[in-house]
PDB file of N, CA and C in Angstrom:
ATOM      1  N   MET A   1      31.633 -47.445  13.568  1.00  0.00           N
ATOM      2  CA  MET A   1      31.642 -47.155  12.145  1.00  0.00           C
ATOM      3  C   MET A   1      30.964 -45.817  11.910  1.00  0.00           C
ATOM      4  N   GLY A   2      31.578 -44.947  11.153  1.00  0.00           N
ATOM      5  CA  GLY A   2      30.998 -43.644  10.893  1.00  0.00           C
ATOM      6  C   GLY A   2      30.628 -43.470   9.442  1.00  0.00           C
ATOM      7  N   LEU A   3      29.627 -42.653   9.209  1.00  0.00           N
ATOM      8  CA  LEU A   3      29.207 -42.333   7.860  1.00  0.00           C
ATOM      9  C   LEU A   3      30.246 -41.466   7.172  1.00  0.00           C
ATOM     10  N   LEU A   4      30.814 -40.554   7.925  1.00  0.00           N
ATOM     11  CA  LEU A   4      31.675 -39.562   7.308  1.00  0.00           C
ATOM     12  C   LEU A   4      32.951 -39.402   8.114  1.00  0.00           C
ATOM     13  N   THR A   5      34.063 -39.647   7.474  1.00  0.00           N
ATOM     14  CA  THR A   5      35.332 -39.420   8.147  1.00  0.00           C
ATOM     15  C   THR A   5      36.146 -38.359   7.417  1.00  0.00           C
ATOM     16  N   GLU A   6      36.024 -38.309   6.126  1.00  0.00           N
ATOM     17  CA  GLU A   6      36.717 -37.312   5.317  1.00  0.00           C
ATOM     18  C   GLU A   6      35.821 -36.963   4.154  1.00  0.00           C
ATOM     19  N   ARG A   7      35.995 -35.803   3.629  1.00  0.00           N
ATOM     20  CA  ARG A   7      35.192 -35.352   2.506  1.00  0.00           C
ATOM     21  C   ARG A   7      35.418 -36.235   1.274  1.00  0.00           C
ATOM     22  N   ALA A   8      36.625 -36.712   1.077  1.00  0.00           N
ATOM     23  CA  ALA A   8      36.943 -37.529  -0.091  1.00  0.00           C
ATOM     24  C   ALA A   8      36.350 -38.932   0.019  1.00  0.00           C
ATOM     25  N   ASP A   9      36.044 -39.381   1.216  1.00  0.00           N
ATOM     26  CA  ASP A   9      35.482 -40.711   1.415  1.00  0.00           C
ATOM     27  C   ASP A   9      34.114 -40.552   2.070  1.00  0.00           C
ATOM     28  N   ALA A  10      33.095 -40.410   1.240  1.00  0.00           N
ATOM     29  CA  ALA A  10      31.768 -40.061   1.737  1.00  0.00           C
ATOM     30  C   ALA A  10      31.079 -41.199   2.459  1.00  0.00           C
ATOM     31  N   GLY A  11      31.489 -42.423   2.289  1.00  0.00           N
ATOM     32  CA  GLY A  11      30.829 -43.536   2.944  1.00  0.00           C
ATOM     33  C   GLY A  11      29.782 -44.164   2.040  1.00  0.00           C
ATOM     34  N   ASP A  12      29.308 -45.334   2.428  1.00  0.00           N
ATOM     35  CA  ASP A  12      28.318 -46.041   1.640  1.00  0.00           C
ATOM     36  C   ASP A  12      27.029 -45.257   1.508  1.00  0.00           C
ATOM     37  N   GLY A  13      26.520 -45.196   0.281  1.00  0.00           N
ATOM     38  CA  GLY A  13      25.225 -44.592   0.038  1.00  0.00           C
ATOM     39  C   GLY A  13      25.182 -43.089   0.073  1.00  0.00           C
ATOM     40  N   CYS A  14      26.309 -42.426   0.218  1.00  0.00           N
ATOM     41  CA  CYS A  14      26.313 -40.961   0.285  1.00  0.00           C
ATOM     42  C   CYS A  14      26.878 -40.396  -1.003  1.00  0.00           C
ATOM     43  N   GLU A  15      26.423 -39.215  -1.310  1.00  0.00           N
ATOM     44  CA  GLU A  15      26.935 -38.513  -2.478  1.00  0.00           C
ATOM     45  C   GLU A  15      27.212 -37.073  -2.095  1.00  0.00           C
ATOM     46  N   GLU A  16      28.228 -36.492  -2.717  1.00  0.00           N
ATOM     47  CA  GLU A  16      28.556 -35.097  -2.441  1.00  0.00           C
ATOM     48  C   GLU A  16      27.659 -34.213  -3.290  1.00  0.00           C
ATOM     49  N   VAL A  17      27.154 -33.134  -2.687  1.00  0.00           N
ATOM     50  CA  VAL A  17      26.267 -32.199  -3.361  1.00  0.00           C
ATOM     51  C   VAL A  17      26.978 -30.855  -3.446  1.00  0.00           C
ATOM     52  N   ALA A  18      27.069 -30.304  -4.646  1.00  0.00           N
ATOM     53  CA  ALA A  18      27.720 -29.003  -4.830  1.00  0.00           C
ATOM     54  C   ALA A  18      26.755 -27.900  -4.432  1.00  0.00           C
ATOM     55  N   ILE A  19      27.219 -27.007  -3.576  1.00  0.00           N
ATOM     56  CA  ILE A  19      26.410 -25.887  -3.106  1.00  0.00           C
ATOM     57  C   ILE A  19      27.069 -24.603  -3.594  1.00  0.00           C
ATOM     58  N   PRO A  20      26.304 -23.721  -4.244  1.00  0.00           N
ATOM     59  CA  PRO A  20      26.901 -22.453  -4.681  1.00  0.00           C
ATOM     60  C   PRO A  20      27.380 -21.635  -3.485  1.00  0.00           C
ATOM     61  N   LEU A  21      28.446 -20.880  -3.691  1.00  0.00           N
ATOM     62  CA  LEU A  21      28.984 -20.042  -2.625  1.00  0.00           C
ATOM     63  C   LEU A  21      27.999 -18.948  -2.251  1.00  0.00           C
ATOM     64  N   ALA A  22      27.940 -18.659  -0.978  1.00  0.00           N
ATOM     65  CA  ALA A  22      27.140 -17.532  -0.508  1.00  0.00           C
ATOM     66  C   ALA A  22      27.870 -16.246  -0.887  1.00  0.00           C
ATOM     67  N   PRO A  23      27.155 -15.141  -1.065  1.00  0.00           N
ATOM     68  CA  PRO A  23      27.803 -13.885  -1.479  1.00  0.00           C
ATOM     69  C   PRO A  23      28.915 -13.416  -0.542  1.00  0.00           C
ATOM     70  N   VAL A  24      28.825 -13.730   0.766  1.00  0.00           N
ATOM     71  CA  VAL A  24      29.848 -13.251   1.700  1.00  0.00           C
ATOM     72  C   VAL A  24      31.025 -14.205   1.832  1.00  0.00           C
ATOM     73  N   GLU A  25      30.992 -15.326   1.123  1.00  0.00           N
ATOM     74  CA  GLU A  25      32.089 -16.291   1.220  1.00  0.00           C
ATOM     75  C   GLU A  25      33.362 -15.695   0.631  1.00  0.00           C
ATOM     76  N   ASP A  26      34.470 -16.102   1.170  1.00  0.00           N
ATOM     77  CA  ASP A  26      35.750 -15.684   0.625  1.00  0.00           C
ATOM     78  C   ASP A  26      36.467 -16.913   0.086  1.00  0.00           C
ATOM     79  N   ALA A  27      37.766 -16.886   0.076  1.00  0.00           N
ATOM     80  CA  ALA A  27      38.560 -17.972  -0.494  1.00  0.00           C
ATOM     81  C   ALA A  27      38.476 -19.267   0.313  1.00  0.00           C
ATOM     82  N   THR A  28      37.806 -19.275   1.473  1.00  0.00           N
ATOM     83  CA  THR A  28      37.724 -20.513   2.252  1.00  0.00           C
ATOM     84  C   THR A  28      36.785 -21.513   1.603  1.00  0.00           C
ATOM     85  N   GLY A  29      35.982 -21.086   0.658  1.00  0.00           N
ATOM     86  CA  GLY A  29      35.129 -22.010  -0.085  1.00  0.00           C
ATOM     87  C   GLY A  29      33.759 -22.160   0.531  1.00  0.00           C
ATOM     88  N   GLY A  30      32.884 -22.804  -0.234  1.00  0.00           N
ATOM     89  CA  GLY A  30      31.512 -23.013   0.203  1.00  0.00           C
ATOM     90  C   GLY A  30      31.387 -24.248   1.067  1.00  0.00           C
ATOM     91  N   PRO A  31      30.161 -24.511   1.495  1.00  0.00           N
ATOM     92  CA  PRO A  31      29.960 -25.653   2.375  1.00  0.00           C
ATOM     93  C   PRO A  31      30.134 -26.972   1.641  1.00  0.00           C
ATOM     94  N   ALA A  32      30.657 -27.947   2.343  1.00  0.00           N
ATOM     95  CA  ALA A  32      30.737 -29.301   1.807  1.00  0.00           C
ATOM     96  C   ALA A  32      29.493 -30.025   2.310  1.00  0.00           C
ATOM     97  N   VAL A  33      28.640 -30.455   1.396  1.00  0.00           N
ATOM     98  CA  VAL A  33      27.395 -31.101   1.792  1.00  0.00           C
ATOM     99  C   VAL A  33      27.361 -32.516   1.222  1.00  0.00           C
ATOM    100  N   LEU A  34      27.079 -33.467   2.106  1.00  0.00           N
ATOM    101  CA  LEU A  34      26.898 -34.851   1.694  1.00  0.00           C
ATOM    102  C   LEU A  34      25.449 -35.215   1.913  1.00  0.00           C
ATOM    103  N   ARG A  35      24.949 -36.131   1.070  1.00  0.00           N
ATOM    104  CA  ARG A  35      23.545 -36.500   1.142  1.00  0.00           C
ATOM    105  C   ARG A  35      23.387 -38.012   1.068  1.00  0.00           C
ATOM    106  N   ARG A  36      22.484 -38.520   1.888  1.00  0.00           N
ATOM    107  CA  ARG A  36      22.018 -39.896   1.732  1.00  0.00           C
ATOM    108  C   ARG A  36      20.504 -39.816   1.660  1.00  0.00           C
ATOM    109  N   ARG A  37      19.961 -40.302   0.577  1.00  0.00           N
ATOM    110  CA  ARG A  37      18.517 -40.255   0.370  1.00  0.00           C
ATOM    111  C   ARG A  37      17.837 -41.432   1.060  1.00  0.00           C
ATOM    112  N   CYS A  38      16.607 -41.186   1.527  1.00  0.00           N
ATOM    113  CA  CYS A  38      15.826 -42.291   2.061  1.00  0.00           C
ATOM    114  C   CYS A  38      15.192 -43.021   0.880  1.00  0.00           C
ATOM    115  N   ALA A  39      14.676 -44.220   1.115  1.00  0.00           N
ATOM    116  CA  ALA A  39      14.166 -45.071   0.041  1.00  0.00           C
ATOM    117  C   ALA A  39      12.900 -44.507  -0.609  1.00  0.00           C
ATOM    118  N   GLN A  40      12.050 -43.860   0.157  1.00  0.00           N
ATOM    119  CA  GLN A  40      10.808 -43.344  -0.404  1.00  0.00           C
ATOM    120  C   GLN A  40      10.913 -41.853  -0.703  1.00  0.00           C
ATOM    121  N   PRO A  41      10.054 -41.351  -1.599  1.00  0.00           N
ATOM    122  CA  PRO A  41      10.062 -39.918  -1.885  1.00  0.00           C
ATOM    123  C   PRO A  41       9.657 -39.134  -0.637  1.00  0.00           C
ATOM    124  N   THR A  42      10.325 -38.025  -0.399  1.00  0.00           N
ATOM    125  CA  THR A  42      10.020 -37.209   0.768  1.00  0.00           C
ATOM    126  C   THR A  42      10.445 -35.772   0.529  1.00  0.00           C
ATOM    127  N   ARG A  43       9.840 -34.873   1.269  1.00  0.00           N
ATOM    128  CA  ARG A  43      10.206 -33.460   1.214  1.00  0.00           C
ATOM    129  C   ARG A  43      10.715 -33.020   2.588  1.00  0.00           C
ATOM    130  N   ARG A  44      11.190 -34.008   3.385  1.00  0.00           N
ATOM    131  CA  ARG A  44      11.717 -33.735   4.720  1.00  0.00           C
ATOM    132  C   ARG A  44      13.204 -34.078   4.751  1.00  0.00           C
ATOM    133  N   ALA A  45      13.946 -33.323   5.554  1.00  0.00           N
ATOM    134  CA  ALA A  45      15.391 -33.561   5.629  1.00  0.00           C
ATOM    135  C   ALA A  45      15.916 -33.297   7.024  1.00  0.00           C
ATOM    136  N   MET A  46      16.959 -34.042   7.355  1.00  0.00           N
ATOM    137  CA  MET A  46      17.759 -33.800   8.557  1.00  0.00           C
ATOM    138  C   MET A  46      19.071 -33.207   8.072  1.00  0.00           C
ATOM    139  N   LEU A  47      19.418 -32.025   8.555  1.00  0.00           N
ATOM    140  CA  LEU A  47      20.681 -31.373   8.214  1.00  0.00           C
ATOM    141  C   LEU A  47      21.574 -31.445   9.432  1.00  0.00           C
ATOM    142  N   TYR A  48      22.622 -32.248   9.339  1.00  0.00           N
ATOM    143  CA  TYR A  48      23.554 -32.464  10.439  1.00  0.00           C
ATOM    144  C   TYR A  48      24.727 -31.512  10.254  1.00  0.00           C
ATOM    145  N   VAL A  49      24.986 -30.687  11.244  1.00  0.00           N
ATOM    146  CA  VAL A  49      26.057 -29.697  11.193  1.00  0.00           C
ATOM    147  C   VAL A  49      27.320 -30.299  11.788  1.00  0.00           C
ATOM    148  N   ARG A  50      28.371 -30.279  11.016  1.00  0.00           N
ATOM    149  CA  ARG A  50      29.666 -30.815  11.444  1.00  0.00           C
ATOM    150  C   ARG A  50      30.673 -29.682  11.466  1.00  0.00           C
ATOM    151  N   CYS A  51      31.300 -29.453  12.618  1.00  0.00           N
ATOM    152  CA  CYS A  51      32.219 -28.311  12.766  1.00  0.00           C
ATOM    153  C   CYS A  51      33.681 -28.720  12.901  1.00  0.00           C
ATOM    154  N   GLN A  52      33.957 -29.986  13.134  1.00  0.00           N
ATOM    155  CA  GLN A  52      35.337 -30.446  13.298  1.00  0.00           C
ATOM    156  C   GLN A  52      35.674 -31.424  12.189  1.00  0.00           C
ATOM    157  N   ARG A  53      36.838 -31.282  11.604  1.00  0.00           N
ATOM    158  CA  ARG A  53      37.228 -32.147  10.485  1.00  0.00           C
ATOM    159  C   ARG A  53      37.355 -33.614  10.895  1.00  0.00           C
ATOM    160  N   ASP A  54      37.701 -33.879  12.160  1.00  0.00           N
ATOM    161  CA  ASP A  54      37.899 -35.267  12.547  1.00  0.00           C
ATOM    162  C   ASP A  54      36.637 -35.906  13.138  1.00  0.00           C
ATOM    163  N   ALA A  55      35.554 -35.151  13.225  1.00  0.00           N
ATOM    164  CA  ALA A  55      34.299 -35.701  13.742  1.00  0.00           C
ATOM    165  C   ALA A  55      33.663 -36.595  12.672  1.00  0.00           C
ATOM    166  N   PHE A  56      32.759 -37.445  13.093  1.00  0.00           N
ATOM    167  CA  PHE A  56      32.054 -38.272  12.134  1.00  0.00           C
ATOM    168  C   PHE A  56      30.585 -38.320  12.525  1.00  0.00           C
ATOM    169  N   VAL A  57      29.769 -38.791  11.597  1.00  0.00           N
ATOM    170  CA  VAL A  57      28.340 -38.927  11.836  1.00  0.00           C
ATOM    171  C   VAL A  57      28.060 -40.403  12.097  1.00  0.00           C
ATOM    172  N   PRO A  58      27.464 -40.729  13.237  1.00  0.00           N
ATOM    173  CA  PRO A  58      27.186 -42.143  13.539  1.00  0.00           C
ATOM    174  C   PRO A  58      26.212 -42.754  12.527  1.00  0.00           C
ATOM    175  N   GLU A  59      26.553 -43.927  12.049  1.00  0.00           N
ATOM    176  CA  GLU A  59      25.735 -44.624  11.056  1.00  0.00           C
ATOM    177  C   GLU A  59      24.321 -44.859  11.566  1.00  0.00           C
ATOM    178  N   ASP A  60      24.176 -45.181  12.857  1.00  0.00           N
ATOM    179  CA  ASP A  60      22.834 -45.445  13.382  1.00  0.00           C
ATOM    180  C   ASP A  60      21.957 -44.196  13.359  1.00  0.00           C
ATOM    181  N   LEU A  61      22.522 -43.016  13.488  1.00  0.00           N
ATOM    182  CA  LEU A  61      21.761 -41.774  13.391  1.00  0.00           C
ATOM    183  C   LEU A  61      21.234 -41.571  11.971  1.00  0.00           C
ATOM    184  N   VAL A  62      22.095 -41.796  10.996  1.00  0.00           N
ATOM    185  CA  VAL A  62      21.702 -41.661   9.595  1.00  0.00           C
ATOM    186  C   VAL A  62      20.583 -42.656   9.270  1.00  0.00           C
ATOM    187  N   THR A  63      20.768 -43.894   9.685  1.00  0.00           N
ATOM    188  CA  THR A  63      19.776 -44.939   9.429  1.00  0.00           C
ATOM    189  C   THR A  63      18.445 -44.606  10.088  1.00  0.00           C
ATOM    190  N   TRP A  64      18.479 -44.110  11.320  1.00  0.00           N
ATOM    191  CA  TRP A  64      17.254 -43.777  12.041  1.00  0.00           C
ATOM    192  C   TRP A  64      16.424 -42.778  11.249  1.00  0.00           C
ATOM    193  N   TYR A  65      17.056 -41.709  10.741  1.00  0.00           N
ATOM    194  CA  TYR A  65      16.321 -40.687   9.983  1.00  0.00           C
ATOM    195  C   TYR A  65      15.874 -41.196   8.615  1.00  0.00           C
ATOM    196  N   THR A  66      16.743 -41.879   7.887  1.00  0.00           N
ATOM    197  CA  THR A  66      16.353 -42.323   6.547  1.00  0.00           C
ATOM    198  C   THR A  66      15.253 -43.384   6.599  1.00  0.00           C
ATOM    199  N   GLU A  67      15.235 -44.209   7.637  1.00  0.00           N
ATOM    200  CA  GLU A  67      14.159 -45.199   7.774  1.00  0.00           C
ATOM    201  C   GLU A  67      12.829 -44.550   8.130  1.00  0.00           C
ATOM    202  N   ARG A  68      12.840 -43.330   8.601  1.00  0.00           N
ATOM    203  CA  ARG A  68      11.622 -42.634   8.997  1.00  0.00           C
ATOM    204  C   ARG A  68      11.206 -41.565   7.998  1.00  0.00           C
ATOM    205  N   GLY A  69      11.723 -41.651   6.788  1.00  0.00           N
ATOM    206  CA  GLY A  69      11.269 -40.765   5.720  1.00  0.00           C
ATOM    207  C   GLY A  69      11.959 -39.420   5.627  1.00  0.00           C
ATOM    208  N   PHE A  70      13.210 -39.342   6.041  1.00  0.00           N
ATOM    209  CA  PHE A  70      13.993 -38.116   5.915  1.00  0.00           C
ATOM    210  C   PHE A  70      15.206 -38.380   5.030  1.00  0.00           C
ATOM    211  N   HIS A  71      15.512 -37.438   4.145  1.00  0.00           N
ATOM    212  CA  HIS A  71      16.823 -37.456   3.508  1.00  0.00           C
ATOM    213  C   HIS A  71      17.790 -36.920   4.559  1.00  0.00           C
ATOM    214  N   PHE A  72      19.022 -37.405   4.545  1.00  0.00           N
ATOM    215  CA  PHE A  72      20.008 -37.003   5.543  1.00  0.00           C
ATOM    216  C   PHE A  72      21.131 -36.240   4.856  1.00  0.00           C
ATOM    217  N   TYR A  73      21.398 -35.030   5.324  1.00  0.00           N
ATOM    218  CA  TYR A  73      22.449 -34.179   4.766  1.00  0.00           C
ATOM    219  C   TYR A  73      23.454 -33.841   5.851  1.00  0.00           C
ATOM    220  N   VAL A  74      24.707 -33.709   5.472  1.00  0.00           N
ATOM    221  CA  VAL A  74      25.766 -33.290   6.385  1.00  0.00           C
ATOM    222  C   VAL A  74      26.417 -32.052   5.777  1.00  0.00           C
ATOM    223  N   VAL A  75      26.465 -30.974   6.550  1.00  0.00           N
ATOM    224  CA  VAL A  75      27.148 -29.762   6.107  1.00  0.00           C
ATOM    225  C   VAL A  75      28.350 -29.545   7.017  1.00  0.00           C
ATOM    226  N   GLU A  76      29.482 -29.293   6.411  1.00  0.00           N
ATOM    227  CA  GLU A  76      30.717 -29.075   7.160  1.00  0.00           C
ATOM    228  C   GLU A  76      30.947 -27.581   7.299  1.00  0.00           C
ATOM    229  N   LEU A  77      30.979 -27.107   8.539  1.00  0.00           N
ATOM    230  CA  LEU A  77      31.164 -25.680   8.790  1.00  0.00           C
ATOM    231  C   LEU A  77      32.538 -25.344   9.333  1.00  0.00           C
ATOM    232  N   GLY A  78      33.367 -26.338   9.532  1.00  0.00           N
ATOM    233  CA  GLY A  78      34.719 -26.116  10.040  1.00  0.00           C
ATOM    234  C   GLY A  78      35.660 -25.667   8.945  1.00  0.00           C
ATOM    235  N   PRO A  79      36.949 -25.609   9.246  1.00  0.00           N
ATOM    236  CA  PRO A  79      37.943 -25.196   8.257  1.00  0.00           C
ATOM    237  C   PRO A  79      37.924 -26.107   7.041  1.00  0.00           C
ATOM    238  N   GLN A  80      38.050 -25.511   5.878  1.00  0.00           N
ATOM    239  CA  GLN A  80      38.099 -26.256   4.629  1.00  0.00           C
ATOM    240  C   GLN A  80      39.547 -26.394   4.187  1.00  0.00           C
ATOM    241  N   GLY A  81      39.936 -27.583   3.765  1.00  0.00           N
ATOM    242  CA  GLY A  81      41.294 -27.793   3.274  1.00  0.00           C
ATOM    243  C   GLY A  81      41.467 -27.197   1.896  1.00  0.00           C
ATOM    244  N   THR A  82      42.703 -27.020   1.493  1.00  0.00           N
ATOM    245  CA  THR A  82      43.002 -26.518   0.168  1.00  0.00           C
ATOM    246  C   THR A  82      43.527 -27.672  -0.671  1.00  0.00           C
ATOM    247  N   PRO A  83      42.799 -28.059  -1.759  1.00  0.00           N
ATOM    248  CA  PRO A  83      43.274 -29.159  -2.587  1.00  0.00           C
ATOM    249  C   PRO A  83      44.680 -28.904  -3.107  1.00  0.00           C
ATOM    250  N   GLY A  84      45.501 -29.922  -3.081  1.00  0.00           N
ATOM    251  CA  GLY A  84      46.874 -29.811  -3.572  1.00  0.00           C
ATOM    252  C   GLY A  84      47.844 -29.233  -2.557  1.00  0.00           C
ATOM    253  N   LYS A  85      47.366 -28.849  -1.383  1.00  0.00           N
ATOM    254  CA  LYS A  85      48.236 -28.282  -0.364  1.00  0.00           C
ATOM    255  C   LYS A  85      47.957 -28.957   0.974  1.00  0.00           C
ATOM    256  N   PRO A  86      48.227 -30.264   1.072  1.00  0.00           N
ATOM    257  CA  PRO A  86      47.962 -30.961   2.333  1.00  0.00           C
ATOM    258  C   PRO A  86      48.831 -30.417   3.461  1.00  0.00           C
ATOM    259  N   GLY A  87      48.275 -30.429   4.648  1.00  0.00           N
ATOM    260  CA  GLY A  87      49.019 -29.986   5.809  1.00  0.00           C
ATOM    261  C   GLY A  87      49.044 -28.483   5.997  1.00  0.00           C
ATOM    262  N   ARG A  88      48.562 -27.738   5.011  1.00  0.00           N
ATOM    263  CA  ARG A  88      48.534 -26.284   5.142  1.00  0.00           C
ATOM    264  C   ARG A  88      47.466 -25.901   6.157  1.00  0.00           C
ATOM    265  N   ARG A  89      47.837 -25.100   7.108  1.00  0.00           N
ATOM    266  CA  ARG A  89      46.911 -24.689   8.172  1.00  0.00           C
ATOM    267  C   ARG A  89      45.943 -23.639   7.614  1.00  0.00           C
ATOM    268  N   ILE A  90      44.659 -23.923   7.773  1.00  0.00           N
ATOM    269  CA  ILE A  90      43.616 -23.033   7.279  1.00  0.00           C
ATOM    270  C   ILE A  90      42.966 -22.343   8.480  1.00  0.00           C
ATOM    271  N   ALA A  91      42.741 -21.051   8.365  1.00  0.00           N
ATOM    272  CA  ALA A  91      42.105 -20.302   9.450  1.00  0.00           C
ATOM    273  C   ALA A  91      40.675 -20.781   9.650  1.00  0.00           C
ATOM    274  N   ARG A  92      40.270 -20.844  10.889  1.00  0.00           N
ATOM    275  CA  ARG A  92      38.905 -21.252  11.223  1.00  0.00           C
ATOM    276  C   ARG A  92      37.937 -20.170  10.728  1.00  0.00           C
ATOM    277  N   PRO A  93      36.843 -20.556  10.065  1.00  0.00           N
ATOM    278  CA  PRO A  93      35.892 -19.560   9.567  1.00  0.00           C
ATOM    279  C   PRO A  93      35.254 -18.780  10.725  1.00  0.00           C
ATOM    280  N   SER A  94      34.928 -17.537  10.460  1.00  0.00           N
ATOM    281  CA  SER A  94      34.255 -16.716  11.470  1.00  0.00           C
ATOM    282  C   SER A  94      32.829 -17.217  11.642  1.00  0.00           C
ATOM    283  N   GLN A  95      32.183 -16.753  12.697  1.00  0.00           N
ATOM    284  CA  GLN A  95      30.798 -17.157  12.930  1.00  0.00           C
ATOM    285  C   GLN A  95      29.919 -16.716  11.761  1.00  0.00           C
ATOM    286  N   GLY A  96      30.164 -15.537  11.220  1.00  0.00           N
ATOM    287  CA  GLY A  96      29.402 -15.049  10.064  1.00  0.00           C
ATOM    288  C   GLY A  96      29.572 -15.948   8.851  1.00  0.00           C
ATOM    289  N   GLU A  97      30.801 -16.412   8.616  1.00  0.00           N
ATOM    290  CA  GLU A  97      31.061 -17.318   7.491  1.00  0.00           C
ATOM    291  C   GLU A  97      30.362 -18.652   7.694  1.00  0.00           C
ATOM    292  N   ARG A  98      30.380 -19.170   8.930  1.00  0.00           N
ATOM    293  CA  ARG A  98      29.712 -20.444   9.206  1.00  0.00           C
ATOM    294  C   ARG A  98      28.205 -20.322   9.011  1.00  0.00           C
ATOM    295  N   LEU A  99      27.631 -19.211   9.484  1.00  0.00           N
ATOM    296  CA  LEU A  99      26.191 -19.008   9.298  1.00  0.00           C
ATOM    297  C   LEU A  99      25.838 -18.852   7.820  1.00  0.00           C
ATOM    298  N   ALA A 100      26.713 -18.189   7.057  1.00  0.00           N
ATOM    299  CA  ALA A 100      26.483 -18.045   5.617  1.00  0.00           C
ATOM    300  C   ALA A 100      26.514 -19.404   4.926  1.00  0.00           C
ATOM    301  N   ARG A 101      27.424 -20.287   5.340  1.00  0.00           N
ATOM    302  CA  ARG A 101      27.483 -21.642   4.762  1.00  0.00           C
ATOM    303  C   ARG A 101      26.219 -22.420   5.089  1.00  0.00           C
ATOM    304  N   MET A 102      25.740 -22.289   6.334  1.00  0.00           N
ATOM    305  CA  MET A 102      24.526 -22.994   6.719  1.00  0.00           C
ATOM    306  C   MET A 102      23.317 -22.444   5.962  1.00  0.00           C
ATOM    307  N   ASP A 103      23.246 -21.138   5.808  1.00  0.00           N
ATOM    308  CA  ASP A 103      22.170 -20.534   5.024  1.00  0.00           C
ATOM    309  C   ASP A 103      22.196 -21.030   3.584  1.00  0.00           C
ATOM    310  N   ALA A 104      23.399 -21.115   3.005  1.00  0.00           N
ATOM    311  CA  ALA A 104      23.522 -21.601   1.625  1.00  0.00           C
ATOM    312  C   ALA A 104      23.042 -23.049   1.517  1.00  0.00           C
ATOM    313  N   ALA A 105      23.385 -23.876   2.505  1.00  0.00           N
ATOM    314  CA  ALA A 105      22.942 -25.275   2.495  1.00  0.00           C
ATOM    315  C   ALA A 105      21.423 -25.365   2.612  1.00  0.00           C
ATOM    316  N   CYS A 106      20.833 -24.601   3.522  1.00  0.00           N
ATOM    317  CA  CYS A 106      19.369 -24.617   3.685  1.00  0.00           C
ATOM    318  C   CYS A 106      18.678 -24.090   2.430  1.00  0.00           C
ATOM    319  N   ARG A 107      19.210 -23.038   1.842  1.00  0.00           N
ATOM    320  CA  ARG A 107      18.650 -22.490   0.610  1.00  0.00           C
ATOM    321  C   ARG A 107      18.688 -23.537  -0.505  1.00  0.00           C
ATOM    322  N   HIS A 108      19.802 -24.258  -0.590  1.00  0.00           N
ATOM    323  CA  HIS A 108      19.920 -25.321  -1.595  1.00  0.00           C
ATOM    324  C   HIS A 108      18.875 -26.415  -1.351  1.00  0.00           C
ATOM    325  N   LEU A 109      18.694 -26.817  -0.105  1.00  0.00           N
ATOM    326  CA  LEU A 109      17.705 -27.857   0.196  1.00  0.00           C
ATOM    327  C   LEU A 109      16.315 -27.417  -0.218  1.00  0.00           C
ATOM    328  N   ARG A 110      15.955 -26.186   0.066  1.00  0.00           N
ATOM    329  CA  ARG A 110      14.621 -25.687  -0.292  1.00  0.00           C
ATOM    330  C   ARG A 110      14.474 -25.495  -1.798  1.00  0.00           C
ATOM    331  N   ASP A 111      15.422 -24.789  -2.412  1.00  0.00           N
ATOM    332  CA  ASP A 111      15.276 -24.385  -3.812  1.00  0.00           C
ATOM    333  C   ASP A 111      15.596 -25.485  -4.816  1.00  0.00           C
ATOM    334  N   THR A 112      16.622 -26.259  -4.568  1.00  0.00           N
ATOM    335  CA  THR A 112      17.070 -27.263  -5.535  1.00  0.00           C
ATOM    336  C   THR A 112      16.547 -28.656  -5.225  1.00  0.00           C
ATOM    337  N   GLU A 113      16.538 -29.036  -3.960  1.00  0.00           N
ATOM    338  CA  GLU A 113      16.130 -30.387  -3.575  1.00  0.00           C
ATOM    339  C   GLU A 113      14.627 -30.492  -3.301  1.00  0.00           C
ATOM    340  N   GLY A 114      13.931 -29.370  -3.195  1.00  0.00           N
ATOM    341  CA  GLY A 114      12.496 -29.388  -2.955  1.00  0.00           C
ATOM    342  C   GLY A 114      12.098 -29.771  -1.538  1.00  0.00           C
ATOM    343  N   ILE A 115      12.957 -29.496  -0.582  1.00  0.00           N
ATOM    344  CA  ILE A 115      12.697 -29.858   0.814  1.00  0.00           C
ATOM    345  C   ILE A 115      11.819 -28.777   1.457  1.00  0.00           C
ATOM    346  N   ASP A 116      10.742 -29.223   2.123  1.00  0.00           N
ATOM    347  CA  ASP A 116       9.834 -28.302   2.819  1.00  0.00           C
ATOM    348  C   ASP A 116      10.149 -28.188   4.304  1.00  0.00           C
ATOM    349  N   MET A 117      10.625 -29.260   4.903  1.00  0.00           N
ATOM    350  CA  MET A 117      10.885 -29.278   6.349  1.00  0.00           C
ATOM    351  C   MET A 117      12.330 -29.688   6.596  1.00  0.00           C
ATOM    352  N   ILE A 118      13.054 -28.869   7.359  1.00  0.00           N
ATOM    353  CA  ILE A 118      14.466 -29.156   7.679  1.00  0.00           C
ATOM    354  C   ILE A 118      14.624 -29.214   9.186  1.00  0.00           C
ATOM    355  N   ILE A 119      15.150 -30.320   9.671  1.00  0.00           N
ATOM    356  CA  ILE A 119      15.531 -30.443  11.076  1.00  0.00           C
ATOM    357  C   ILE A 119      17.044 -30.273  11.115  1.00  0.00           C
ATOM    358  N   VAL A 120      17.526 -29.411  11.995  1.00  0.00           N
ATOM    359  CA  VAL A 120      18.964 -29.168  12.110  1.00  0.00           C
ATOM    360  C   VAL A 120      19.453 -29.803  13.413  1.00  0.00           C
ATOM    361  N   GLY A 121      20.556 -30.543  13.316  1.00  0.00           N
ATOM    362  CA  GLY A 121      21.137 -31.172  14.483  1.00  0.00           C
ATOM    363  C   GLY A 121      22.648 -31.133  14.413  1.00  0.00           C
ATOM    364  N   ALA A 122      23.291 -31.314  15.565  1.00  0.00           N
ATOM    365  CA  ALA A 122      24.750 -31.315  15.632  1.00  0.00           C
ATOM    366  C   ALA A 122      25.179 -32.049  16.891  1.00  0.00           C
ATOM    367  N   GLN A 123      26.461 -32.327  16.971  1.00  0.00           N
ATOM    368  CA  GLN A 123      27.042 -32.961  18.146  1.00  0.00           C
ATOM    369  C   GLN A 123      28.196 -32.103  18.631  1.00  0.00           C
ATOM    370  N   GLU A 124      28.299 -31.925  19.936  1.00  0.00           N
ATOM    371  CA  GLU A 124      29.415 -31.149  20.483  1.00  0.00           C
ATOM    372  C   GLU A 124      30.669 -31.947  20.454  1.00  0.00           C
TER     373      GLU A 124
END
C-alpha cells in the first residue's frame, strides 16, 4: 500500500499544498507538494523527493516519521502532466528546474509552514 500513487489521489490523511512558482520555472509548472501532519505540534519535517510519476511513498515510512514528531511532505520533481491533455508527453525537467522546485518547496516549509528543521530523503 502506498501513500502516493497519483497527484489526484493523495491518499488517506494527506493534503495538497500549493507552492508558488520559482522565478526560473517555465510552463512545466511548480512543484506538487503533499503533506501529512503529525498529531502533535512540531517545527520538524521530512521532505521526500519523488522523481518518477509511477513511484510511491511507502506508508510505513510516512507513519515512522509522523509518529516521531515530523510532518511528512512529498515533492514531485519529475515531469508534470498537463491538465486536460492526458497522454501528452512532457519533457523531463532539467536539473536546474528540479533544484528550483526543491528550493521552492523548502522555502515554503520555512516561510509558510514555520518549519525549522528539514530532513530530505528519496528512493532510487
